[in-house]
N, C-alpha and C. Protein backbone atom coordinates (compact mmCIF):
# COMPACT_ATOMS: atom_id res chain seq x y z
N MET A 1 0.60 -1.16 0.21
CA MET A 1 -0.20 0.10 -0.26
C MET A 1 0.89 1.46 -0.09
N LYS A 2 0.19 2.32 -1.61
CA LYS A 2 1.10 3.60 -1.38
C LYS A 2 1.01 4.45 -0.10
N THR A 3 1.66 4.94 0.60
CA THR A 3 1.98 6.00 1.74
C THR A 3 2.43 7.49 1.37
N THR A 4 1.24 7.86 1.57
CA THR A 4 1.43 9.24 1.12
C THR A 4 1.61 10.43 2.50
N GLU A 5 3.10 11.49 1.93
CA GLU A 5 3.62 12.23 2.70
C GLU A 5 2.83 12.56 3.70
N GLN A 6 2.76 13.10 4.70
CA GLN A 6 1.52 14.24 5.49
C GLN A 6 2.88 15.26 5.72
N VAL A 7 2.13 16.48 5.49
CA VAL A 7 2.79 17.51 5.92
C VAL A 7 1.79 19.09 6.92
N ARG A 8 2.31 20.00 7.71
CA ARG A 8 1.65 20.22 7.97
C ARG A 8 1.09 21.76 7.57
N PHE A 9 -0.07 22.37 7.41
CA PHE A 9 -0.07 23.18 7.40
C PHE A 9 -1.48 24.49 8.07
N ASP A 10 -0.58 24.94 8.55
CA ASP A 10 -1.33 26.57 9.95
C ASP A 10 -1.56 27.83 8.98
N THR A 11 -2.18 28.40 9.72
CA THR A 11 -2.45 29.43 9.58
C THR A 11 -2.99 30.11 10.70
N ARG A 12 -3.41 31.51 10.76
CA ARG A 12 -3.41 32.16 11.78
C ARG A 12 -4.57 33.01 10.58
N LEU A 13 -6.26 33.09 11.92
CA LEU A 13 -7.15 34.19 11.11
C LEU A 13 -7.62 34.76 12.12
N PRO A 14 -8.66 35.38 12.33
CA PRO A 14 -9.37 36.42 13.13
C PRO A 14 -10.37 34.93 13.73
N LYS A 15 -11.05 35.31 15.37
CA LYS A 15 -12.15 34.76 15.20
C LYS A 15 -13.47 34.61 14.45
N GLU A 16 -13.73 35.41 13.82
CA GLU A 16 -14.98 36.06 12.87
C GLU A 16 -15.06 35.21 12.39
N GLN A 17 -13.77 35.03 11.16
CA GLN A 17 -13.49 34.74 10.17
C GLN A 17 -13.76 33.09 10.50
N LYS A 18 -12.97 32.90 11.62
CA LYS A 18 -12.72 30.76 12.10
C LYS A 18 -14.32 30.59 12.16
N ASP A 19 -15.13 31.11 13.24
CA ASP A 19 -16.21 30.74 13.68
C ASP A 19 -17.49 31.25 11.99
N PHE A 20 -17.34 31.68 11.20
CA PHE A 20 -17.63 31.47 9.69
C PHE A 20 -17.59 30.55 8.83
N PHE A 21 -16.12 29.99 8.71
CA PHE A 21 -16.19 29.20 8.41
C PHE A 21 -16.70 27.61 8.47
N GLU A 22 -16.26 27.85 10.01
CA GLU A 22 -17.45 26.46 10.99
C GLU A 22 -18.89 26.28 10.07
N TYR A 23 -19.58 27.66 10.97
CA TYR A 23 -20.66 27.59 10.25
C TYR A 23 -20.75 27.02 8.34
N ALA A 24 -20.27 27.54 7.82
CA ALA A 24 -20.76 26.76 6.65
C ALA A 24 -19.43 25.68 6.19
N ALA A 25 -19.19 25.58 7.18
CA ALA A 25 -18.53 23.99 7.38
C ALA A 25 -19.73 23.22 7.15
N SER A 26 -19.99 23.40 8.56
CA SER A 26 -20.92 22.67 8.97
C SER A 26 -22.57 22.22 7.92
N LEU A 27 -22.95 23.82 7.67
CA LEU A 27 -23.87 24.00 6.93
C LEU A 27 -23.66 22.73 5.58
N GLY A 28 -22.63 22.88 5.11
CA GLY A 28 -22.06 22.06 3.79
C GLY A 28 -22.43 20.61 3.63
N GLY A 29 -22.21 20.33 5.45
CA GLY A 29 -21.98 18.71 5.72
C GLY A 29 -20.33 18.18 5.62
N PHE A 30 -19.88 19.32 6.30
CA PHE A 30 -18.52 18.63 6.14
C PHE A 30 -18.09 18.10 7.59
N ARG A 31 -17.64 17.64 8.00
CA ARG A 31 -16.77 16.85 9.77
C ARG A 31 -16.43 17.33 10.42
N THR A 32 -15.82 18.35 9.51
CA THR A 32 -14.49 19.50 10.61
C THR A 32 -14.02 20.47 9.87
N LEU A 33 -13.34 22.23 10.09
CA LEU A 33 -13.20 22.88 10.11
C LEU A 33 -12.02 22.58 9.08
N THR A 34 -11.57 21.67 8.98
CA THR A 34 -9.73 21.83 8.38
C THR A 34 -10.60 21.05 7.24
N GLU A 35 -11.83 19.42 6.77
CA GLU A 35 -12.13 19.14 5.51
C GLU A 35 -12.90 20.54 5.03
N PHE A 36 -13.17 20.83 5.47
CA PHE A 36 -13.90 22.48 4.75
C PHE A 36 -13.00 22.87 3.98
N VAL A 37 -12.12 23.62 4.39
CA VAL A 37 -10.56 24.56 4.18
C VAL A 37 -10.00 23.50 2.70
N ILE A 38 -9.84 22.24 3.30
CA ILE A 38 -8.74 21.53 2.55
C ILE A 38 -9.86 21.19 0.79
N SER A 39 -11.18 20.80 1.15
CA SER A 39 -11.66 20.59 0.02
C SER A 39 -12.38 21.83 -0.78
N SER A 40 -12.13 23.57 0.06
CA SER A 40 -12.95 24.13 -0.76
C SER A 40 -11.03 24.82 -1.28
N ALA A 41 -10.16 24.68 -0.83
CA ALA A 41 -9.40 25.57 -1.27
C ALA A 41 -7.81 24.51 -1.95
N GLN A 42 -8.82 23.13 -2.69
CA GLN A 42 -8.88 22.38 -3.56
C GLN A 42 -9.40 22.54 -4.75
N LYS A 43 -10.39 22.71 -4.25
CA LYS A 43 -11.49 23.17 -6.37
C LYS A 43 -11.07 24.82 -6.47
N GLN A 44 -10.73 25.73 -6.03
CA GLN A 44 -10.22 26.89 -6.31
C GLN A 44 -9.10 25.93 -7.06
N ALA A 45 -7.68 25.68 -6.21
CA ALA A 45 -6.21 25.94 -6.61
C ALA A 45 -7.02 24.71 -8.10
N LYS A 46 -7.98 24.03 -8.36
CA LYS A 46 -8.25 22.75 -9.87
C LYS A 46 -8.27 23.88 -10.88
N LYS A 47 -9.50 25.06 -10.21
CA LYS A 47 -9.88 26.61 -11.26
C LYS A 47 -8.81 26.85 -12.08
N ILE A 48 -7.77 27.33 -11.34
CA ILE A 48 -6.78 28.00 -11.31
C ILE A 48 -6.06 27.29 -12.23
N VAL A 49 -5.74 26.11 -11.66
CA VAL A 49 -4.68 25.62 -12.28
C VAL A 49 -5.16 25.16 -14.19
N ALA A 50 -6.22 24.65 -14.43
CA ALA A 50 -7.43 24.26 -15.27
C ALA A 50 -7.08 25.90 -15.56
N GLY A 51 -7.54 26.88 -15.29
CA GLY A 51 -7.12 27.90 -16.22
C GLY A 51 -5.99 28.22 -16.63
N HIS A 52 -5.36 28.07 -15.97
CA HIS A 52 -3.32 28.60 -16.82
C HIS A 52 -3.53 27.30 -17.56
N ASN A 53 -3.57 26.19 -17.45
CA ASN A 53 -3.32 25.57 -18.43
C ASN A 53 -4.28 25.19 -19.65
N LYS A 54 -5.16 26.19 -19.94
CA LYS A 54 -6.62 25.94 -20.69
C LYS A 54 -5.78 27.69 -21.78
N ILE A 55 -4.64 28.34 -20.64
CA ILE A 55 -4.65 30.15 -21.51
C ILE A 55 -2.77 29.47 -22.48
N LEU A 56 -2.33 28.45 -21.15
CA LEU A 56 -1.17 28.06 -22.05
C LEU A 56 -1.37 26.71 -23.74
N ALA A 57 -2.48 26.31 -23.04
CA ALA A 57 -3.00 25.41 -24.13
C ALA A 57 -3.52 25.83 -25.28
N SER A 58 -3.93 27.35 -24.92
CA SER A 58 -4.60 28.05 -26.18
C SER A 58 -3.38 28.61 -27.07
N LYS A 59 -2.20 28.78 -26.67
CA LYS A 59 -1.09 29.74 -27.24
C LYS A 59 0.06 29.06 -27.65
N ARG A 60 -0.35 27.20 -28.22
CA ARG A 60 0.79 26.42 -28.58
C ARG A 60 -0.58 26.45 -30.24
N ASP A 61 -1.46 25.55 -28.88
CA ASP A 61 -2.42 25.87 -30.71
C ASP A 61 -2.44 27.35 -31.32
N ARG A 62 -2.21 27.87 -31.29
CA ARG A 62 -2.38 29.19 -32.11
C ARG A 62 -0.74 30.01 -32.53
N GLU A 63 0.16 28.69 -31.88
CA GLU A 63 1.05 28.57 -32.48
C GLU A 63 1.52 27.48 -33.32
N ILE A 64 0.90 26.60 -33.72
CA ILE A 64 0.65 25.34 -34.32
C ILE A 64 0.18 25.98 -35.55
N PHE A 65 -1.39 26.43 -35.58
CA PHE A 65 -1.38 26.64 -36.07
C PHE A 65 -1.13 27.75 -37.65
N PHE A 66 -0.50 29.08 -36.54
CA PHE A 66 -0.39 30.01 -37.19
C PHE A 66 1.34 29.23 -38.11
N ASN A 67 2.08 28.75 -37.42
CA ASN A 67 2.79 28.11 -38.23
C ASN A 67 2.92 27.32 -39.20
N ALA A 68 1.58 26.84 -39.41
CA ALA A 68 1.05 25.48 -40.02
C ALA A 68 0.90 26.31 -41.55
N ILE A 69 -0.05 27.41 -40.68
CA ILE A 69 -0.23 28.48 -42.09
C ILE A 69 0.73 29.50 -43.03
N MET A 70 1.92 29.40 -42.32
CA MET A 70 2.79 30.54 -42.72
C MET A 70 3.98 29.65 -42.97
N ASN A 71 4.30 28.03 -42.97
CA ASN A 71 6.10 27.27 -43.40
C ASN A 71 4.60 26.08 -43.84
N PRO A 72 3.75 25.93 -44.55
CA PRO A 72 3.43 24.45 -44.95
C PRO A 72 4.43 23.40 -44.92
N GLU A 73 3.74 22.19 -44.59
CA GLU A 73 4.16 21.12 -45.55
C GLU A 73 4.20 21.02 -47.51
N LYS A 74 4.98 20.35 -47.85
CA LYS A 74 4.72 20.10 -49.19
C LYS A 74 3.69 19.02 -48.90
N PRO A 75 2.60 18.74 -50.04
CA PRO A 75 1.14 17.00 -50.12
C PRO A 75 2.93 16.25 -50.13
N ASN A 76 2.66 15.09 -49.23
CA ASN A 76 2.97 13.83 -49.13
C ASN A 76 2.84 13.44 -50.39
N GLU A 77 2.82 12.26 -50.43
CA GLU A 77 2.05 11.01 -51.67
C GLU A 77 0.95 10.90 -51.43
N LYS A 78 0.58 10.35 -50.50
CA LYS A 78 -1.41 10.39 -50.41
C LYS A 78 -1.83 11.32 -50.51
N LEU A 79 -1.23 12.39 -50.17
CA LEU A 79 -2.69 13.91 -50.59
C LEU A 79 -2.46 13.97 -51.72
N LYS A 80 -1.67 13.58 -52.51
CA LYS A 80 -1.57 13.78 -53.86
C LYS A 80 -2.51 12.90 -54.95
N ASN A 81 -2.11 11.81 -54.13
CA ASN A 81 -2.84 11.01 -55.08
C ASN A 81 -4.37 10.56 -54.10
N ALA A 82 -4.68 11.19 -53.38
CA ALA A 82 -6.41 11.87 -52.50
C ALA A 82 -6.64 12.86 -53.35
N MET A 83 -6.00 13.41 -53.75
CA MET A 83 -5.80 14.70 -54.67
C MET A 83 -6.22 14.78 -55.59
N ASP A 84 -5.88 13.49 -56.58
CA ASP A 84 -6.30 13.12 -58.41
C ASP A 84 -7.18 12.57 -57.00
N LYS A 85 -7.40 11.16 -57.31
CA LYS A 85 -8.82 10.97 -56.96
C LYS A 85 -10.36 11.41 -56.99
N TYR A 86 -10.04 13.17 -55.96
CA TYR A 86 -11.32 13.76 -55.77
C TYR A 86 -11.34 14.23 -57.45
N GLU A 87 -10.41 15.10 -58.01
CA GLU A 87 -10.50 15.16 -59.12
C GLU A 87 -10.90 14.42 -59.78
N LYS A 88 -10.18 13.36 -60.61
CA LYS A 88 -11.52 12.47 -61.25
C LYS A 88 -12.46 12.02 -61.04
N THR A 89 -13.23 11.99 -59.70
CA THR A 89 -14.34 11.60 -58.97
C THR A 89 -15.36 13.48 -59.40
N PHE A 90 -14.63 13.77 -59.22
CA PHE A 90 -15.83 15.52 -59.02
C PHE A 90 -15.64 16.45 -60.31
N GLY A 91 -14.72 15.99 -61.88
CA GLY A 91 -14.74 16.20 -62.71
C GLY A 91 -14.15 17.81 -62.47
N VAL A 92 -13.00 18.41 -60.87
CA VAL A 92 -12.75 19.52 -60.45
C VAL A 92 -11.23 19.74 -61.22
């Protein structure tokens, strides 16, 4: 069985904020404040990382697309044969 290293995360916050978080945790059905905080932080972290990765993917896709447009490869034999077949079939 794989064990995961456990680390500690401590924070200080105003009592009113802690009370508010505990109230939200109880309304949300969480067993502990820690469970609520970890779950909330995990959800937010996933959103942030997904947004970041989406931007990176979008930028990479743009670069690939524009590189293909600006520097097209020469047609290979399969593509040439397909074009010949298309022209014969549709009389273009």
